[in-house]
Amino acid sequence: NKDAVTCGSSFKLVNQQSGDRLHSHDVKYGSGSGQQSVTGTPNADDVNSYWQVRGDIRSDCERGAPIKCDTVIRLYHVTTHRNLHSHNYPSPLSNNQEVSAYGEEGVGDEGDRWKAVCTTKNDYWLRKDPIRLQHVVTGK
């Protein structure tokens, strides 16, 4: 399917409600985990908003293979080479669960595992379709 997100694709993730893009850069949280912060940015041409979809730490995916709905993936931050990560720390602004960027050169841990939950009836994650990212370890 030419409209499917594929393993190795790089893209920006846009929040459906706010229009912000998922963003990170080499700035650490001043509280919580002290890991690299992940935020949203309204800036459409921000270079720090590119993420690459990779396979699960337990079973990598083949480059170019379409990502099935409910597959466990990693999201690799292209600029800083860290994975989208979460854990049981409160976030500094909302007091919800902190999301950070973690690891070195894409090597991280179980906290880097996210399920791509499709909100449509498709078998695959399509570029035009909204998804939810569910953190595997904490279920959030």
Protein backbone atom coordinates (compact mmCIF):
# COMPACT_ATOMS: atom_id res chain seq x y z
CA ASN A 1 0.00 0.00 0.00
CA LYS A 2 1.68 3.19 -1.18
CA ASP A 3 -0.16 5.24 1.48
CA ALA A 4 1.13 3.15 4.39
CA VAL A 5 3.76 4.36 6.81
CA THR A 6 6.75 2.07 6.30
CA CYS A 7 9.63 0.91 8.45
CA GLY A 8 12.42 3.47 8.15
CA SER A 9 10.10 6.32 7.11
CA SER A 10 10.94 9.74 8.55
CA PHE A 11 8.11 12.16 9.21
CA LYS A 12 6.60 14.73 11.53
CA LEU A 13 3.77 13.79 13.89
CA VAL A 14 1.10 16.47 14.25
CA ASN A 15 -1.19 16.65 17.28
CA GLN A 16 -4.77 16.62 15.92
CA GLN A 17 -6.10 18.99 18.60
CA SER A 18 -3.32 21.60 18.88
CA GLY A 19 -1.67 21.36 15.47
CA ASP A 20 1.73 21.15 17.21
CA ARG A 21 4.44 18.84 15.93
CA LEU A 22 6.18 16.37 18.26
CA HIS A 23 9.55 18.00 18.94
CA SER A 24 12.74 17.30 20.84
CA HIS A 25 16.21 18.79 21.06
CA ASP A 26 19.21 18.33 23.31
CA VAL A 27 17.75 20.02 26.40
CA LYS A 28 17.17 17.97 29.54
CA TYR A 29 14.18 18.19 31.87
CA GLY A 30 15.01 20.13 35.05
CA SER A 31 12.89 17.71 37.07
CA GLY A 32 11.54 14.17 36.82
CA SER A 33 13.88 11.87 34.92
CA GLY A 34 16.32 14.60 33.87
CA GLN A 35 16.27 13.02 30.38
CA GLN A 36 16.00 14.88 27.07
CA SER A 37 12.74 16.83 26.89
CA VAL A 38 9.99 16.17 24.35
CA THR A 39 7.47 18.91 23.63
CA GLY A 40 5.26 20.23 20.84
CA THR A 41 6.05 23.06 18.45
CA PRO A 42 3.73 25.05 16.19
CA ASN A 43 6.68 25.72 13.84
CA ALA A 44 6.02 23.77 10.61
CA ASP A 45 9.62 23.97 9.35
CA ASP A 46 11.28 22.96 12.62
CA VAL A 47 14.19 20.57 11.87
CA ASN A 48 13.91 18.98 15.34
CA SER A 49 10.47 17.50 14.61
CA TYR A 50 11.60 14.62 12.37
CA TRP A 51 11.08 11.10 13.73
CA GLN A 52 11.87 7.79 12.05
CA VAL A 53 9.73 4.72 12.66
CA ARG A 54 11.76 1.66 13.58
CA GLY A 55 10.88 -1.84 14.65
CA ASP A 56 10.39 -2.96 18.21
CA ILE A 57 13.54 -3.47 20.29
CA ARG A 58 12.58 -7.16 20.40
CA SER A 59 12.14 -7.61 16.63
CA ASP A 60 13.27 -4.95 14.17
CA CYS A 61 11.29 -4.39 10.98
CA GLU A 62 12.46 -4.63 7.40
CA ARG A 63 13.09 -1.25 5.80
CA GLY A 64 10.17 -0.34 3.53
CA ALA A 65 7.77 -2.84 5.11
CA PRO A 66 4.34 -1.31 5.85
CA ILE A 67 3.54 -0.91 9.55
CA LYS A 68 0.45 -2.88 10.62
CA CYS A 69 -2.00 -1.35 13.07
CA ASP A 70 -1.28 -2.25 16.71
CA THR A 71 2.36 -3.02 15.92
CA VAL A 72 4.91 -2.18 18.62
CA ILE A 73 7.41 0.34 17.23
CA ARG A 74 10.15 2.73 18.26
CA LEU A 75 10.23 6.36 17.19
CA TYR A 76 13.80 7.52 16.65
CA HIS A 77 14.56 11.25 16.85
CA VAL A 78 16.51 12.01 13.68
CA THR A 79 18.52 14.97 15.05
CA THR A 80 19.62 13.66 18.45
CA HIS A 81 19.55 9.87 17.75
CA ARG A 82 17.41 9.06 20.80
CA ASN A 83 14.13 7.14 21.05
CA LEU A 84 10.76 8.47 22.13
CA HIS A 85 10.49 7.16 25.69
CA SER A 86 8.20 7.22 28.68
CA HIS A 87 8.13 5.99 32.27
CA ASN A 88 6.41 6.68 35.59
CA TYR A 89 7.63 10.23 36.14
CA PRO A 90 5.17 13.15 36.25
CA SER A 91 5.54 15.64 33.42
CA PRO A 92 6.55 19.17 34.50
CA LEU A 93 3.61 21.08 32.97
CA SER A 94 0.55 18.84 32.96
CA ASN A 95 1.57 16.45 35.74
CA ASN A 96 0.58 13.61 33.40
CA GLN A 97 3.16 11.02 32.42
CA GLU A 98 6.53 12.40 31.30
CA VAL A 99 7.62 11.68 27.72
CA SER A 100 11.31 12.01 26.99
CA ALA A 101 13.94 11.06 24.43
CA TYR A 102 16.31 8.37 25.66
CA GLY A 103 19.19 6.13 24.63
CA GLU A 104 22.25 6.56 22.47
CA GLU A 105 22.22 6.06 18.70
CA GLY A 106 18.78 4.45 18.96
CA VAL A 107 19.82 1.90 21.60
CA GLY A 108 17.50 2.27 24.59
CA ASP A 109 15.28 0.02 26.68
CA GLU A 110 11.74 -1.27 27.28
CA GLY A 111 10.49 2.29 27.89
CA ASP A 112 10.99 2.99 24.16
CA ARG A 113 8.20 0.61 23.10
CA TRP A 114 5.04 2.23 21.66
CA LYS A 115 2.00 0.64 20.05
CA ALA A 116 0.71 2.38 16.91
CA VAL A 117 -3.04 2.23 17.59
CA CYS A 118 -5.05 3.01 14.45
CA THR A 119 -8.29 4.92 14.91
CA THR A 120 -9.71 3.69 11.59
CA LYS A 121 -10.67 0.25 10.31
CA ASN A 122 -7.51 -0.16 8.18
CA ASP A 123 -5.05 -3.03 8.58
CA TYR A 124 -2.08 -0.69 8.19
CA TRP A 125 -1.02 2.70 9.57
CA LEU A 126 -1.77 5.04 6.68
CA ARG A 127 -0.05 8.44 6.37
CA LYS A 128 -3.31 10.37 6.21
CA ASP A 129 -4.93 8.62 9.18
CA PRO A 130 -4.72 9.69 12.81
CA ILE A 131 -3.24 7.22 15.30
CA ARG A 132 -2.77 7.07 19.04
CA LEU A 133 0.59 6.12 20.52
CA GLN A 134 0.17 3.85 23.52
CA HIS A 135 3.16 3.32 25.77
CA VAL A 136 3.56 -0.45 26.12
CA VAL A 137 5.14 -0.66 29.59
CA THR A 138 2.77 1.75 31.38
CA GLY A 139 -0.29 1.36 29.14
CA LYS A 140 -0.68 5.17 28.91
